[in-house]
Protein backbone atom coordinates (compact mmCIF):
# COMPACT_ATOMS: atom_id res chain seq x y z
CA MET A 1 49.30 153.33 101.84
CA ALA A 2 52.71 152.95 103.51
CA LEU A 3 53.82 154.54 106.74
CA THR A 4 55.73 157.78 106.19
CA LYS A 5 59.05 158.49 107.90
CA ALA A 6 57.38 161.30 109.85
CA GLU A 7 54.68 158.89 111.11
CA PHE A 8 57.34 156.33 112.04
CA ASP A 9 59.34 158.98 113.89
CA THR A 10 56.18 160.04 115.73
CA VAL A 11 55.53 156.46 116.91
CA LYS A 12 59.16 156.05 118.04
CA ALA A 13 59.02 159.36 119.90
CA TRP A 14 55.75 158.39 121.60
CA ILE A 15 57.28 155.14 122.85
CA SER A 16 60.51 156.87 123.93
CA ASP A 17 58.49 159.44 125.88
CA LEU A 18 56.92 156.78 128.11
CA ALA A 19 58.35 156.99 131.64
CA ASP A 20 61.51 154.93 132.28
CA VAL A 21 61.88 153.86 128.63
CA THR A 22 65.22 153.61 126.85
CA SER A 23 65.94 152.57 123.28
CA GLY A 24 68.85 151.20 121.34
CA PRO A 25 69.85 148.79 118.61
CA HIS A 26 68.15 145.41 118.71
CA ARG A 27 70.34 142.30 118.53
CA PHE A 28 68.52 141.09 115.39
CA GLY A 29 68.39 144.51 113.72
CA GLY A 30 66.04 147.41 114.22
CA VAL A 31 65.37 149.37 117.41
CA GLU A 32 64.40 147.92 120.78
CA PHE A 33 62.64 149.62 123.68
CA LYS A 34 63.12 148.73 127.33
CA ALA A 35 61.11 149.74 130.39
CA ARG A 36 63.43 149.94 133.39
CA GLY A 37 65.85 147.65 131.56
CA LEU A 38 63.36 145.02 130.36
CA GLU A 39 62.71 144.81 126.62
CA PHE A 40 59.00 145.06 125.84
CA MET A 41 59.05 145.66 122.07
CA HIS A 42 61.22 146.24 119.05
CA PHE A 43 60.90 147.40 115.47
CA HIS A 44 62.19 145.65 112.38
CA GLY A 45 62.17 148.38 109.77
CA GLN A 46 59.47 151.02 110.00
CA THR A 47 56.39 148.85 110.08
CA HIS A 48 57.12 145.51 111.76
CA LEU A 49 56.68 145.57 115.55
CA ASP A 50 57.39 142.62 117.82
CA ILE A 51 55.68 143.19 121.16
CA ARG A 52 55.85 141.16 124.41
CA LEU A 53 52.56 140.83 126.27
CA SER A 54 51.29 138.94 129.27
CA LYS A 55 49.81 135.57 128.34
CA ALA A 56 46.30 136.91 128.99
CA ASP A 57 46.82 140.02 126.85
CA GLN A 58 48.50 137.95 124.14
CA ALA A 59 45.54 135.54 123.99
CA ARG A 60 43.02 138.40 123.87
CA VAL A 61 44.89 140.41 121.23
CA LEU A 62 45.32 137.34 119.03
CA ALA A 63 41.68 136.26 119.49
CA GLU A 64 40.50 139.76 118.55
CA GLY A 65 42.70 139.73 115.43
CA LYS A 66 44.61 142.81 116.57
CA ALA A 67 48.03 141.18 116.05
CA GLU A 68 49.63 138.08 114.62
CA LYS A 69 51.34 135.20 116.37
CA HIS A 70 55.08 135.85 116.67
CA LEU A 71 57.07 133.58 114.39
CA TYR A 72 59.82 132.61 116.84
CA ALA A 73 58.72 133.25 120.44
CA PRO A 74 54.95 133.07 120.86
CA GLU A 75 55.35 130.94 124.01
CA ALA A 76 57.03 133.93 125.70
CA GLY A 77 54.06 136.21 125.01
CA TRP A 78 55.41 137.88 121.87
CA VAL A 79 53.09 139.02 119.09
CA THR A 80 53.76 140.76 115.79
CA PHE A 81 51.96 143.87 114.63
CA ILE A 82 52.39 145.23 111.11
CA ILE A 83 51.65 148.92 110.56
CA LYS A 84 50.24 149.07 107.05
CA SER A 85 49.27 152.74 107.12
CA GLY A 86 48.95 155.72 109.41
CA GLU A 87 45.50 154.44 110.33
CA ASP A 88 47.15 151.54 112.21
CA ILE A 89 49.18 153.77 114.53
CA ASP A 90 46.53 153.99 117.26
CA LYS A 91 46.08 150.20 117.17
CA ALA A 92 49.84 149.75 117.51
CA LYS A 93 49.95 152.18 120.44
CA GLU A 94 47.19 150.24 122.22
CA ILE A 95 49.20 147.01 122.07
CA VAL A 96 52.51 148.71 122.89
CA ARG A 97 50.90 150.30 125.97
CA LEU A 98 49.82 146.83 127.18
CA ALA A 99 53.40 145.58 126.74
CA TYR A 100 54.83 148.62 128.54
CA ILE A 101 52.52 148.13 131.53
CA TYR A 102 53.33 144.42 131.62
CA ALA A 103 57.08 145.13 131.55
CA LEU A 104 56.79 147.59 134.44
CA THR A 105 54.76 145.02 136.38
CA ILE A 106 57.43 142.35 135.86
CA VAL A 107 60.23 144.70 136.93
CA ASP A 108 58.28 145.84 140.01
CA GLN A 109 57.54 142.24 141.02
CA HIS A 110 61.19 141.33 140.63
CA GLN A 111 62.31 144.29 142.74
CA THR A 112 59.76 143.45 145.46
CA LYS A 113 60.91 139.83 145.49
CA LYS A 114 64.54 140.93 145.89
CA LEU A 115 63.60 143.18 148.82
CA VAL A 116 61.66 140.40 150.54
CA GLN A 117 64.54 137.95 150.14
CA LYS A 118 67.02 140.27 151.89
């Protein structure tokens, strides 16, 4: 069973509603989402999600079979999640939330480092 447009729109809205998240066109097509300016995931079409995780979260998610190894940038923590039906939405949200938290952590660490260096 494929993902409906309404389900896809619901997932996009959920991501966009996370604090400090913006969205726009992705450089390779689709829609990207940034947390405080740092990309943490993007869609290709309605069902293909590329998601950037910490190395620890990436290893765990891959070991648990919750996502697939990203084709082009696995060394940077990226994984791929395919939504095959509406039943996969909660699984996708779980992984996206990990990426969102990781992105906020990276941005916060960078800001702290800049303040310390001044």
